[in-house]
Amino acid sequence: MTTDLKEQTVPENESEISSQETVSIRVEDLIVGRRITHPIHDSNGLLLLASGSVINSRFKQLLRDRKMPQVEVHSDDASSISLHSLASDPMLEAATQGIFTTELTEKLDRLIESGSMFVANTGPAVRDSMVMHGCKAYDPEERDRLFEQQQIYGDTLDSMMRGALTGKVPSGQEITGIAASYLTQLTADADCVISAATEAGKDETLSQHCLQMSLLGMAIGTELNLDENNVRNIGLCGLVHDWGMIRVQNKIGKNCRHLNALERIEMQKHPIFSLEMLENVAGIPSVVPVVCYQVHEQPNGLGYPRQRTHNMIHMFARILNVAHCYISLTSAREDRPALMPYAAMEYLLRLTNDKTIDQAPMRALLNLLSLFPIGSCVILNDGSAARVIRRNKDHYTSPIVQVLQTPDGVKVDPLDPEAIIDLHESELEIDQALPTPGKEEIDLTSDLFDGQI
């Protein structure tokens, strides 16, 4: 395989194949570990991958770096290195008939296409009331309380989802209460709340995923200067957007992994299932179904279930899509460990280039968590180890950290106020990011990561 995609001499038996023998395959659809029997060239005849080579994550990343969303491959290889041949499979066609169209979705589609999905503040921005704590450690008692509350909310939400699955109507008032509680806590100490929720979410259940989505989505909305009503509605959408996944999990299993074509279609039904489960819930604002329907759409039109593009996707859905991507990347899957928080942020920044995610909420996430996200561990340039505990205004490369170990490995007293350092005001800076202790996290250079969210 070529390592830098530079031009090279092509042997006679690997001369450019005719366009009639090739098919176009999305780079993201290439299956890592599959071997090709014919060479792959670009449109100018440059050899990208020699015959007999194995597709790996490095090759896919090089194609992304060259801004190549698709690649031409020999038709004989298409079915083995991607699921391309299943696109016209009669079983898939039967499976997709009508699954994304219901009376409710038709109503939402008409609303979306009417162009009436504008967002406006009717009150002051929540950000104006946020308390910034500077170089101050978390209140340990408050953090323990938040951690315990997150576990309780998780159990409550899980019970609601399972009840809705069996036809029991969940309490709209109780769901709203969770979002309202989060909003109050975010204004008091957003860094501490996000840190506690991240730690509580290590069990990676569906309910904890929804709770983290709600909290992070609200925090992003706050950073985008939305008012209390709008931020609370984002939180509501985050809490309920993925409820339909519990139906999908009953069919294809709970663990995230590479899905075959039929399983992927089943998974893409879950926004519709969520709408059905929430249809009779009283007290849910009318914007919630629209947003839940669109959370997995992408500004570049490659999302689901309707392949909408930027201007046809509700702002709240674009916010929650960014939150979903970050949480998914930092969560373990059956086919790979979790990404390090820094690596996840680095990868998301790349995704803004091809409009997989929206730039505005991504920029807000960067300011909110910093480039080295809250909770992540780092090594400073003096050799000491530290944990990022707070954002630092708009200085996203210089967060506020708490030193954990001295350069010679001696543990630092967690109650020592001098262990809290504002890197923007210090000569110290971050030298490298580390995996979270106790989690088998990987970085972007790992062969275990192939760019799939």
Protein backbone atom coordinates (compact mmCIF):
# COMPACT_ATOMS: atom_id res chain seq x y z
CA MET A 1 0.00 0.00 0.00
CA THR A 2 1.16 3.53 -0.61
CA THR A 3 1.86 5.41 2.62
CA ASP A 4 1.50 8.97 1.38
CA LEU A 5 -0.54 8.63 -1.82
CA LYS A 6 2.28 10.10 -3.91
CA GLU A 7 2.46 9.35 -7.62
CA GLN A 8 4.30 6.20 -8.57
CA THR A 9 4.92 4.03 -11.65
CA VAL A 10 2.08 1.63 -12.30
CA PRO A 11 3.04 -1.86 -13.53
CA GLU A 12 1.44 -3.08 -16.74
CA ASN A 13 -0.77 -5.56 -14.91
CA GLU A 14 -2.03 -2.68 -12.74
CA SER A 15 -2.80 -0.26 -15.54
CA GLU A 16 -5.85 1.96 -15.23
CA ILE A 17 -9.04 -0.03 -15.54
CA SER A 18 -11.92 1.19 -17.59
CA SER A 19 -14.73 3.12 -15.98
CA GLN A 20 -17.16 0.42 -17.05
CA GLU A 21 -15.44 -1.97 -14.63
CA THR A 22 -15.49 0.34 -11.62
CA VAL A 23 -18.09 1.40 -9.11
CA SER A 24 -18.04 4.35 -6.75
CA ILE A 25 -17.78 3.50 -3.05
CA ARG A 26 -17.95 5.94 -0.12
CA VAL A 27 -14.68 6.01 1.79
CA GLU A 28 -16.63 5.60 5.04
CA ASP A 29 -18.18 2.38 3.65
CA LEU A 30 -14.81 0.68 3.04
CA ILE A 31 -14.38 -2.26 5.40
CA VAL A 32 -11.07 -2.30 7.24
CA GLY A 33 -9.28 -5.65 6.98
CA ARG A 34 -10.63 -6.61 3.53
CA ARG A 35 -8.17 -7.42 0.73
CA ILE A 36 -8.50 -6.10 -2.84
CA THR A 37 -7.67 -8.12 -5.96
CA HIS A 38 -7.51 -5.11 -8.29
CA PRO A 39 -5.65 -1.81 -7.82
CA ILE A 40 -7.45 1.39 -6.84
CA HIS A 41 -6.63 4.59 -8.75
CA ASP A 42 -7.86 8.14 -8.44
CA SER A 43 -9.53 10.02 -11.32
CA ASN A 44 -6.10 11.03 -12.71
CA GLY A 45 -4.77 7.49 -12.81
CA LEU A 46 -2.66 7.84 -9.66
CA LEU A 47 -2.28 4.50 -7.89
CA LEU A 48 -3.82 4.73 -4.45
CA LEU A 49 -3.69 1.08 -3.39
CA ALA A 50 -1.96 -1.82 -5.14
CA SER A 51 -3.66 -5.11 -5.90
CA GLY A 52 -3.39 -7.63 -3.08
CA SER A 53 -3.30 -4.88 -0.44
CA VAL A 54 -5.48 -4.84 2.66
CA ILE A 55 -7.65 -1.82 3.40
CA ASN A 56 -6.77 -0.35 6.79
CA SER A 57 -7.66 2.73 8.80
CA ARG A 58 -4.51 4.57 7.64
CA PHE A 59 -5.57 4.26 4.00
CA LYS A 60 -9.06 5.56 4.79
CA GLN A 61 -7.64 8.52 6.70
CA LEU A 62 -5.29 9.40 3.83
CA LEU A 63 -8.28 9.49 1.49
CA ARG A 64 -10.13 11.77 3.91
CA ASP A 65 -7.09 14.03 4.12
CA ARG A 66 -7.20 14.34 0.33
CA LYS A 67 -10.87 15.36 0.58
CA MET A 68 -11.94 12.21 -1.30
CA PRO A 69 -15.41 11.23 -0.01
CA GLN A 70 -15.64 8.46 -2.63
CA VAL A 71 -13.24 6.17 -4.44
CA GLU A 72 -13.55 4.11 -7.63
CA VAL A 73 -12.98 0.38 -7.11
CA HIS A 74 -13.16 -2.59 -9.44
CA SER A 75 -16.64 -4.10 -9.57
CA ASP A 76 -15.22 -7.50 -8.58
CA ASP A 77 -13.95 -6.00 -5.31
CA ALA A 78 -16.98 -3.86 -4.52
CA SER A 79 -19.00 -6.55 -2.78
CA SER A 80 -16.11 -7.76 -0.62
CA ILE A 81 -14.75 -4.42 0.61
CA SER A 82 -18.10 -2.73 1.27
CA LEU A 83 -21.80 -3.49 1.50
CA HIS A 84 -22.28 -1.87 -1.91
CA SER A 85 -23.77 -4.96 -3.51
CA LEU A 86 -26.53 -5.07 -0.90
CA ALA A 87 -27.84 -1.67 -1.92
CA SER A 88 -30.11 -3.31 -4.50
CA ASP A 89 -30.73 -6.46 -2.48
CA PRO A 90 -34.46 -7.37 -2.67
CA MET A 91 -34.42 -8.11 1.06
CA LEU A 92 -33.20 -4.58 1.75
CA GLU A 93 -35.76 -3.08 -0.58
CA ALA A 94 -38.50 -4.99 1.21
CA ALA A 95 -37.07 -3.95 4.58
CA THR A 96 -37.08 -0.26 3.68
CA GLN A 97 -40.57 -0.10 2.23
CA GLY A 98 -42.47 2.52 4.21
CA ILE A 99 -40.32 2.33 7.34
CA PHE A 100 -39.55 6.03 7.34
CA THR A 101 -43.03 7.23 6.43
CA THR A 102 -45.92 7.41 8.85
CA GLU A 103 -48.74 9.86 9.33
CA LEU A 104 -46.70 11.60 12.00
CA THR A 105 -43.52 11.83 9.91
CA GLU A 106 -45.49 13.21 6.96
CA LYS A 107 -46.83 15.92 9.26
CA LEU A 108 -43.32 16.73 10.50
CA ASP A 109 -41.95 16.73 6.95
CA ARG A 110 -44.53 19.30 5.91
CA LEU A 111 -43.59 21.46 8.90
CA ILE A 112 -39.87 21.20 8.11
CA GLU A 113 -40.37 21.99 4.43
CA SER A 114 -42.52 25.01 5.26
CA GLY A 115 -39.39 26.78 6.52
CA SER A 116 -40.99 27.73 9.85
CA MET A 117 -38.34 26.20 12.14
CA PHE A 118 -36.75 29.46 13.27
CA VAL A 119 -35.42 29.86 16.81
CA ALA A 120 -35.77 33.13 18.69
CA ASN A 121 -35.09 34.16 22.28
CA THR A 122 -37.97 35.60 24.27
CA GLY A 123 -35.90 36.24 27.37
CA PRO A 124 -32.31 36.92 28.45
CA ALA A 125 -29.56 34.52 27.46
CA VAL A 126 -28.83 31.88 30.09
CA ARG A 127 -25.12 32.51 29.63
CA ASP A 128 -25.54 35.92 31.28
CA SER A 129 -26.45 34.20 34.57
CA MET A 130 -23.72 31.53 34.50
CA VAL A 131 -21.40 31.50 37.52
CA MET A 132 -17.73 31.26 36.49
CA HIS A 133 -15.55 29.80 39.27
CA GLY A 134 -12.06 30.47 37.96
CA CYS A 135 -9.27 28.62 39.80
CA LYS A 136 -11.50 26.88 42.28
CA ALA A 137 -11.77 23.15 42.90
CA TYR A 138 -15.11 21.38 42.87
CA ASP A 139 -17.09 21.19 46.08
CA PRO A 140 -16.59 17.48 46.91
CA GLU A 141 -19.94 17.13 48.66
CA GLU A 142 -21.80 18.78 45.79
CA ARG A 143 -20.00 16.60 43.25
CA ASP A 144 -20.93 13.45 45.19
CA ARG A 145 -24.54 14.65 45.26
CA LEU A 146 -24.54 15.31 41.52
CA PHE A 147 -23.03 11.88 40.85
CA GLU A 148 -25.72 10.18 42.95
CA GLN A 149 -28.43 12.26 41.27
CA GLN A 150 -27.16 11.23 37.83
CA GLN A 151 -27.51 7.58 38.80
CA ILE A 152 -31.05 8.17 40.08
CA TYR A 153 -32.03 10.06 36.93
CA GLY A 154 -30.61 7.20 34.89
CA ASP A 155 -32.77 4.65 36.69
CA THR A 156 -35.83 6.89 36.33
CA LEU A 157 -35.28 7.42 32.63
CA ASP A 158 -34.66 3.71 32.03
CA SER A 159 -37.95 2.91 33.76
CA MET A 160 -39.77 5.48 31.62
CA MET A 161 -38.33 4.09 28.40
CA ARG A 162 -39.21 0.51 29.25
CA GLY A 163 -42.67 1.55 30.34
CA ALA A 164 -43.24 3.45 27.08
CA LEU A 165 -42.11 0.36 25.17
CA THR A 166 -44.98 -1.60 26.73
CA GLY A 167 -47.53 1.15 26.14
CA LYS A 168 -47.32 2.93 29.50
CA VAL A 169 -47.47 6.70 28.99
CA PRO A 170 -44.47 8.38 30.68
CA SER A 171 -44.86 11.53 32.75
CA GLY A 172 -44.14 14.62 30.70
CA GLN A 173 -43.92 16.62 33.92
CA GLU A 174 -41.23 14.31 35.32
CA ILE A 175 -39.19 14.50 32.12
CA THR A 176 -39.45 18.29 32.14
CA GLY A 177 -38.39 18.31 35.78
CA ILE A 178 -35.11 16.57 34.95
CA ALA A 179 -34.30 19.13 32.25
CA ALA A 180 -35.21 22.02 34.57
CA SER A 181 -32.99 20.59 37.33
CA TYR A 182 -30.07 20.33 34.91
CA LEU A 183 -30.54 23.93 33.82
CA THR A 184 -30.38 25.17 37.42
CA GLN A 185 -27.24 23.15 38.10
CA LEU A 186 -25.55 24.29 34.88
CA THR A 187 -25.90 27.94 35.84
CA ALA A 188 -24.45 27.23 39.29
CA ASP A 189 -21.37 25.24 38.18
CA ALA A 190 -21.38 23.85 34.65
CA ASP A 191 -17.88 22.37 34.90
CA CYS A 192 -18.71 20.34 38.00
CA VAL A 193 -22.03 19.10 36.57
CA ILE A 194 -20.43 18.00 33.28
CA SER A 195 -17.59 16.27 35.13
CA ALA A 196 -19.98 14.36 37.41
CA ALA A 197 -22.22 13.34 34.51
CA THR A 198 -19.23 12.13 32.49
CA GLU A 199 -18.05 9.92 35.34
CA ALA A 200 -21.55 8.60 36.03
CA GLY A 201 -21.97 7.82 32.34
CA LYS A 202 -19.11 5.30 32.30
CA ASP A 203 -21.67 2.45 32.40
CA GLU A 204 -22.70 3.59 28.89
CA THR A 205 -26.33 2.53 29.18
CA LEU A 206 -28.94 4.05 26.88
CA SER A 207 -30.44 6.07 29.74
CA GLN A 208 -27.04 7.53 30.71
CA HIS A 209 -26.40 8.33 27.04
CA CYS A 210 -29.65 10.30 26.91
CA LEU A 211 -28.83 12.10 30.15
CA GLN A 212 -25.41 13.12 28.87
CA MET A 213 -26.96 14.20 25.57
CA SER A 214 -29.44 16.37 27.45
CA LEU A 215 -26.83 17.97 29.68
CA LEU A 216 -24.21 18.56 26.99
CA GLY A 217 -26.82 19.81 24.52
CA MET A 218 -28.10 22.33 27.08
CA ALA A 219 -24.56 23.47 27.82
CA ILE A 220 -23.88 24.00 24.09
CA GLY A 221 -27.16 25.90 23.73
CA THR A 222 -26.16 28.10 26.65
CA GLU A 223 -22.82 28.80 25.00
CA LEU A 224 -24.74 29.84 21.86
CA ASN A 225 -26.56 32.52 23.89
CA LEU A 226 -30.00 30.87 23.87
CA ASP A 227 -32.55 31.78 26.51
CA GLU A 228 -33.97 29.60 29.30
CA ASN A 229 -36.92 28.26 27.33
CA ASN A 230 -34.82 27.26 24.34
CA VAL A 231 -32.08 25.67 26.46
CA ARG A 232 -34.64 23.70 28.49
CA ASN A 233 -36.27 22.44 25.29
CA ILE A 234 -32.88 21.23 24.04
CA GLY A 235 -32.56 19.33 27.31
CA LEU A 236 -35.98 17.75 26.84
CA CYS A 237 -35.09 16.64 23.33
CA GLY A 238 -31.84 15.13 24.54
CA LEU A 239 -33.63 13.13 27.23
CA VAL A 240 -36.11 11.49 24.86
CA HIS A 241 -34.52 11.53 21.39
CA ASP A 242 -33.14 7.97 21.51
CA TRP A 243 -35.96 6.15 23.28
CA GLY A 244 -36.71 4.21 20.10
CA MET A 245 -33.28 2.58 20.38
CA ILE A 246 -34.62 0.34 23.13
CA ARG A 247 -36.84 -1.31 20.50
CA VAL A 248 -33.88 -1.67 18.16
CA GLN A 249 -31.70 -3.15 20.91
CA ASN A 250 -34.28 -5.86 21.47
CA LYS A 251 -33.73 -6.92 17.84
CA ILE A 252 -30.03 -6.40 17.10
CA GLY A 253 -28.44 -6.28 20.56
CA LYS A 254 -27.22 -3.52 22.83
CA ASN A 255 -23.56 -3.22 21.92
CA CYS A 256 -22.54 -0.67 19.32
CA ARG A 257 -20.64 -2.34 16.48
CA HIS A 258 -20.35 -2.42 12.72
CA LEU A 259 -23.80 -3.35 11.49
CA ASN A 260 -24.69 -5.24 8.37
CA ALA A 261 -27.01 -3.56 5.89
CA LEU A 262 -30.24 -4.96 7.32
CA GLU A 263 -29.23 -4.13 10.89
CA ARG A 264 -28.31 -0.60 9.86
CA ILE A 265 -31.74 -0.07 8.36
CA GLU A 266 -33.28 -1.36 11.57
CA MET A 267 -31.14 1.04 13.60
CA GLN A 268 -32.13 3.98 11.40
CA LYS A 269 -35.76 3.35 12.27
CA HIS A 270 -35.23 4.41 15.87
CA PRO A 271 -36.13 8.13 15.45
CA ILE A 272 -39.52 6.97 14.15
CA PHE A 273 -39.90 4.56 17.06
CA SER A 274 -39.06 7.42 19.46
CA LEU A 275 -41.82 9.56 17.95
CA GLU A 276 -44.32 6.72 18.37
CA MET A 277 -43.35 6.17 22.01
CA LEU A 278 -43.72 9.87 22.81
CA GLU A 279 -46.87 10.57 20.81
CA ASN A 280 -49.22 10.47 23.79
CA VAL A 281 -46.99 12.19 26.34
CA ALA A 282 -48.70 15.29 27.71
CA GLY A 283 -46.83 18.52 28.34
CA ILE A 284 -44.12 18.00 25.70
CA PRO A 285 -43.51 21.18 23.62
CA SER A 286 -44.31 20.85 19.91
CA VAL A 287 -40.67 21.40 18.95
CA VAL A 288 -39.56 18.16 20.66
CA PRO A 289 -40.85 15.68 18.01
CA VAL A 290 -39.27 17.76 15.22
CA VAL A 291 -35.87 17.75 16.90
CA CYS A 292 -35.99 14.07 17.91
CA TYR A 293 -36.80 13.26 14.28
CA GLN A 294 -33.69 15.13 13.08
CA VAL A 295 -30.93 14.56 15.64
CA HIS A 296 -29.13 12.11 13.34
CA GLU A 297 -29.36 14.26 10.22
CA GLN A 298 -26.08 15.84 9.06
CA PRO A 299 -25.53 19.25 7.44
CA ASN A 300 -23.90 17.53 4.43
CA GLY A 301 -27.06 15.51 3.73
CA LEU A 302 -25.57 12.12 4.66
CA GLY A 303 -27.55 11.61 7.86
CA TYR A 304 -30.89 9.88 8.44
CA PRO A 305 -33.82 9.35 8.22
CA ARG A 306 -34.45 12.02 5.52
CA GLN A 307 -30.94 13.09 4.40
CA ARG A 308 -31.77 16.72 5.13
CA THR A 309 -29.10 19.39 4.66
CA HIS A 310 -28.10 22.25 6.95
CA ASN A 311 -30.91 24.76 6.39
CA MET A 312 -33.56 22.03 6.67
CA ILE A 313 -32.31 20.76 10.04
CA HIS A 314 -33.58 22.40 13.23
CA MET A 315 -30.92 24.27 15.19
CA PHE A 316 -31.56 22.14 18.30
CA ALA A 317 -31.02 18.96 16.26
CA ARG A 318 -27.70 20.29 14.94
CA ILE A 319 -26.65 21.06 18.52
CA LEU A 320 -27.61 17.60 19.76
CA ASN A 321 -25.92 15.97 16.77
CA VAL A 322 -22.60 17.46 17.89
CA ALA A 323 -23.24 16.30 21.46
CA HIS A 324 -24.10 12.81 20.15
CA CYS A 325 -20.89 12.59 18.12
CA TYR A 326 -18.70 13.57 21.07
CA ILE A 327 -20.41 11.19 23.50
CA SER A 328 -20.33 8.33 20.98
CA LEU A 329 -16.64 8.81 20.24
CA THR A 330 -15.74 8.82 23.93
CA SER A 331 -17.81 5.69 24.60
CA ALA A 332 -16.55 2.14 24.05
CA ARG A 333 -18.08 0.02 21.32
CA GLU A 334 -17.97 -3.67 20.61
CA ASP A 335 -15.47 -3.10 17.80
CA ARG A 336 -13.24 -0.49 19.47
CA PRO A 337 -12.44 1.14 22.83
CA ALA A 338 -13.44 4.71 23.58
CA LEU A 339 -11.41 7.55 22.11
CA MET A 340 -9.41 9.76 24.46
CA PRO A 341 -11.39 13.01 25.01
CA TYR A 342 -8.67 15.07 23.29
CA ALA A 343 -8.64 12.68 20.31
CA ALA A 344 -12.44 12.89 20.08
CA MET A 345 -12.29 16.67 20.00
CA GLU A 346 -9.56 16.57 17.37
CA TYR A 347 -11.61 14.23 15.20
CA LEU A 348 -14.77 16.34 15.54
CA LEU A 349 -12.86 19.39 14.34
CA ARG A 350 -12.03 17.44 11.19
CA LEU A 351 -15.69 16.59 10.70
CA THR A 352 -16.58 20.27 10.40
CA ASN A 353 -14.60 20.42 7.14
CA ASP A 354 -16.99 18.17 5.21
CA LYS A 355 -20.04 19.47 7.12
CA THR A 356 -20.69 16.16 8.86
CA ILE A 357 -21.36 18.33 11.91
CA ASP A 358 -22.30 21.99 12.20
CA GLN A 359 -19.50 24.48 12.88
CA ALA A 360 -21.38 26.76 15.30
CA PRO A 361 -22.25 24.15 17.96
CA MET A 362 -18.82 22.54 17.46
CA ARG A 363 -17.15 25.86 18.21
CA ALA A 364 -19.39 26.18 21.26
CA LEU A 365 -18.41 22.68 22.41
CA LEU A 366 -14.74 23.59 22.04
CA ASN A 367 -15.16 26.69 24.19
CA LEU A 368 -17.28 24.77 26.67
CA LEU A 369 -15.00 21.76 27.26
CA SER A 370 -11.69 23.14 25.93
CA LEU A 371 -9.49 21.31 23.42
CA PHE A 372 -8.46 19.07 26.32
CA PRO A 373 -11.97 18.33 27.62
CA ILE A 374 -13.06 18.59 31.24
CA GLY A 375 -12.15 15.39 33.07
CA SER A 376 -9.28 14.44 30.75
CA CYS A 377 -5.76 13.82 32.07
CA VAL A 378 -2.68 15.56 30.70
CA ILE A 379 1.07 15.87 31.17
CA LEU A 380 2.37 19.42 31.59
CA ASN A 381 5.68 20.60 30.14
CA ASP A 382 7.37 20.32 33.56
CA GLY A 383 6.51 16.60 33.65
CA SER A 384 3.71 16.84 36.21
CA ALA A 385 0.39 15.05 35.66
CA ALA A 386 -2.88 16.95 35.93
CA ARG A 387 -6.61 16.67 35.29
CA VAL A 388 -8.58 19.33 33.43
CA ILE A 389 -11.29 20.56 35.79
CA ARG A 390 -12.61 23.79 34.25
CA ARG A 391 -12.88 25.69 31.01
CA ASN A 392 -10.95 28.95 30.94
CA LYS A 393 -13.17 31.54 29.31
CA ASP A 394 -12.34 31.38 25.59
CA HIS A 395 -8.79 30.09 26.10
CA TYR A 396 -9.60 26.60 24.89
CA THR A 397 -5.95 25.48 24.64
CA SER A 398 -5.18 26.63 28.19
CA PRO A 399 -7.83 25.21 30.54
CA ILE A 400 -7.73 25.22 34.34
CA VAL A 401 -6.13 22.05 35.68
CA GLN A 402 -5.60 20.33 39.01
CA VAL A 403 -2.15 18.78 39.46
CA LEU A 404 -2.36 15.11 40.45
CA GLN A 405 1.34 14.15 40.54
CA THR A 406 4.61 16.04 40.73
CA PRO A 407 7.17 15.52 37.91
CA ASP A 408 8.80 12.75 39.97
CA GLY A 409 5.50 10.90 40.43
CA VAL A 410 4.60 11.99 43.98
CA LYS A 411 0.85 12.24 44.56
CA VAL A 412 -0.39 15.79 45.25
CA ASP A 413 -2.84 16.57 48.05
CA PRO A 414 -6.23 17.09 46.28
CA LEU A 415 -7.15 19.77 48.85
CA ASP A 416 -4.05 21.85 48.15
CA PRO A 417 -5.32 25.10 46.56
CA GLU A 418 -1.94 25.65 44.89
CA ALA A 419 -2.54 22.48 42.87
CA ILE A 420 -5.16 24.38 40.85
CA ILE A 421 -3.47 26.16 37.93
CA ASP A 422 -4.78 28.60 35.34
CA LEU A 423 -2.65 27.61 32.34
CA HIS A 424 -3.42 30.88 30.58
CA GLU A 425 -1.74 32.78 33.42
CA SER A 426 1.06 30.24 33.93
CA GLU A 427 4.31 29.42 32.15
CA LEU A 428 3.19 25.81 32.21
CA GLU A 429 1.38 24.33 29.23
CA ILE A 430 0.01 20.97 28.17
CA ASP A 431 2.61 18.70 26.62
CA GLN A 432 0.48 15.62 25.92
CA ALA A 433 -2.97 14.15 26.51
CA LEU A 434 -3.37 10.87 28.39
CA PRO A 435 -6.06 8.19 28.49
CA THR A 436 -8.46 8.44 31.44
CA PRO A 437 -7.26 6.20 34.29
CA GLY A 438 -9.31 3.00 34.42
CA LYS A 439 -10.56 3.33 30.83
CA GLU A 440 -8.95 1.62 27.85
CA GLU A 441 -9.04 4.69 25.65
CA ILE A 442 -7.25 5.02 22.30
CA ASP A 443 -6.11 7.90 20.12
CA LEU A 444 -6.66 8.67 16.44
CA THR A 445 -3.50 6.89 15.34
CA SER A 446 -4.70 3.53 16.66
CA ASP A 447 -5.56 0.87 14.10
CA LEU A 448 -8.60 0.13 16.25
CA PHE A 449 -10.19 3.42 15.17
CA ASP A 450 -11.44 3.64 11.59
CA GLY A 451 -13.37 6.91 11.79
CA GLN A 452 -16.82 5.46 12.35
CA ILE A 453 -19.01 7.28 14.89
